[in-house]
Protein backbone atom coordinates (compact mmCIF):
# COMPACT_ATOMS: atom_id res chain seq x y z
CA MET A 1 -0.01 -0.17 0.37
CA SER A 2 1.01 3.43 -0.80
CA ALA A 3 2.29 5.49 1.80
CA GLU A 4 -1.07 8.00 1.56
CA GLY A 5 -2.84 4.84 1.18
CA ASN A 6 -1.56 4.34 4.87
CA LYS A 7 -1.68 7.73 6.19
CA ALA A 8 -5.55 7.46 4.87
CA LEU A 9 -6.36 3.72 6.71
CA PHE A 10 -4.42 5.27 9.96
CA LEU A 11 -6.37 8.42 10.49
CA GLN A 12 -9.52 6.43 9.39
CA PHE A 13 -8.52 3.57 12.27
CA PHE A 14 -7.80 7.10 14.75
CA ASP A 15 -11.03 8.25 14.15
CA ASP A 16 -13.12 4.99 14.82
CA VAL A 17 -11.43 4.42 17.90
CA TRP A 18 -11.82 7.72 19.03
CA ARG A 19 -15.67 8.01 18.34
CA GLY A 20 -16.44 4.70 20.03
CA ARG A 21 -16.40 2.64 16.84
CA PRO A 22 -13.05 0.63 17.47
CA PRO A 23 -12.54 -2.32 15.05
CA TYR A 24 -12.13 -4.83 17.56
CA ASP A 25 -13.70 -4.83 21.60
CA ASP A 26 -10.97 -2.82 23.70
CA ALA A 27 -12.41 -2.40 27.21
CA TRP A 28 -10.45 0.90 28.10
CA ILE A 29 -12.05 2.77 25.39
CA LYS A 30 -15.24 1.92 26.25
CA GLU A 31 -14.32 2.90 29.69
CA ILE A 32 -12.60 5.99 28.85
CA GLN A 33 -15.58 6.85 26.79
CA ALA A 34 -18.40 6.33 29.86
CA ALA A 35 -16.60 8.55 32.25
CA PHE A 36 -16.14 11.07 29.48
CA PRO A 37 -18.85 11.12 27.41
CA ASP A 38 -18.06 14.03 25.08
CA LEU A 39 -14.51 13.16 24.18
CA MET A 40 -13.22 14.31 21.02
CA ALA A 41 -10.02 13.33 20.06
CA THR A 42 -8.59 15.86 17.03
CA PRO A 43 -5.86 14.68 14.33
CA ASP A 44 -3.99 18.12 14.42
CA ARG A 45 -1.49 16.99 12.05
CA VAL A 46 -0.12 14.03 10.02
CA LEU A 47 3.35 14.73 10.96
CA ALA A 48 4.71 12.06 8.44
CA ALA A 49 3.50 9.25 5.54
CA GLU A 50 6.40 7.31 4.41
CA ASP A 51 6.82 3.78 3.38
CA ASP A 52 5.10 1.76 5.90
CA HIS A 53 4.70 4.18 8.86
CA VAL A 54 2.40 7.28 9.80
CA VAL A 55 3.24 9.75 12.51
CA ILE A 56 -0.16 12.02 13.89
CA LEU A 57 -0.03 14.24 16.14
CA PHE A 58 -3.44 15.08 18.44
CA THR A 59 -5.34 16.95 20.72
CA VAL A 60 -8.06 14.96 23.18
CA THR A 61 -10.63 17.53 25.08
CA ALA A 62 -13.29 16.15 27.14
CA THR A 63 -15.44 16.90 30.54
CA HIS A 64 -15.06 14.34 33.88
CA GLN A 65 -18.89 13.54 33.90
CA GLU A 66 -18.61 9.99 35.40
CA ASP A 67 -16.17 8.08 38.18
CA TYR A 68 -13.15 6.82 36.57
CA LYS A 69 -10.57 4.18 37.73
CA GLY A 70 -11.72 5.15 41.50
CA ILE A 71 -11.79 9.21 40.55
CA PRO A 72 -15.11 10.56 41.44
CA ALA A 73 -16.36 12.80 38.39
CA THR A 74 -15.14 16.57 38.93
CA GLY A 75 -17.44 18.02 36.34
CA GLU A 76 -13.99 19.69 34.56
CA PRO A 77 -12.79 19.72 31.46
CA ILE A 78 -9.43 18.23 30.15
CA THR A 79 -7.19 18.57 27.39
CA PHE A 80 -4.41 17.07 26.17
CA ARG A 81 -2.04 16.19 23.65
CA GLY A 82 -0.14 13.37 21.90
CA THR A 83 1.63 11.66 18.95
CA THR A 84 0.93 8.36 17.79
CA THR A 85 2.60 6.40 15.57
CA ALA A 86 1.79 3.53 13.16
CA ARG A 87 3.43 0.66 11.11
CA LEU A 88 1.23 -1.06 8.88
CA GLU A 89 1.68 -4.10 6.68
CA ASN A 90 -0.89 -4.96 3.77
CA GLY A 91 -3.26 -2.89 4.99
CA GLN A 92 -3.30 -3.54 8.37
CA ILE A 93 -1.98 -1.54 11.08
CA VAL A 94 0.22 -4.12 12.73
CA GLU A 95 1.97 -1.75 15.79
CA GLU A 96 0.72 1.40 17.29
CA PHE A 97 3.59 3.27 19.83
CA PRO A 98 1.45 6.15 21.50
CA PHE A 99 2.77 9.11 23.28
CA LEU A 100 1.00 11.21 25.67
CA GLU A 101 1.48 14.25 27.60
CA LYS A 102 1.00 13.43 31.49
CA MET A 103 -2.61 14.40 31.91
CA GLY A 104 -3.50 12.07 29.04
CA ALA A 105 -1.32 8.86 30.00
CA VAL A 106 -3.67 9.20 33.55
CA MET A 107 -6.44 9.25 31.75
CA ILE A 108 -5.57 6.17 29.99
CA GLY A 109 -4.18 4.74 33.33
CA GLN A 110 -0.55 4.47 32.66
CA ASN A 111 1.65 4.76 35.37
CA LEU A 112 4.15 7.59 35.22
């Protein structure tokens, strides 16, 4: 697949996952969307699309409206940025490497 084709495929995957339509059953995104139902993940820029790799810079905004990982809802908005890199083979994403700001890492339950 071409770099442009990989770019289009990864952007569609990104949109599907963050809009609650992951191509697989993923409990963590459902848990996030329950606590942050207005979550919006926006791909700000495709930093690179070369050969079998695509790199996206993105921003996430949301409001903490339900309990999340034992943290009571605050009603407060959050915003964080991140970068994600995907490696594709034959039109399939085979690896993804997300890097998030501290708030984003806390939100998805990573321990930093």
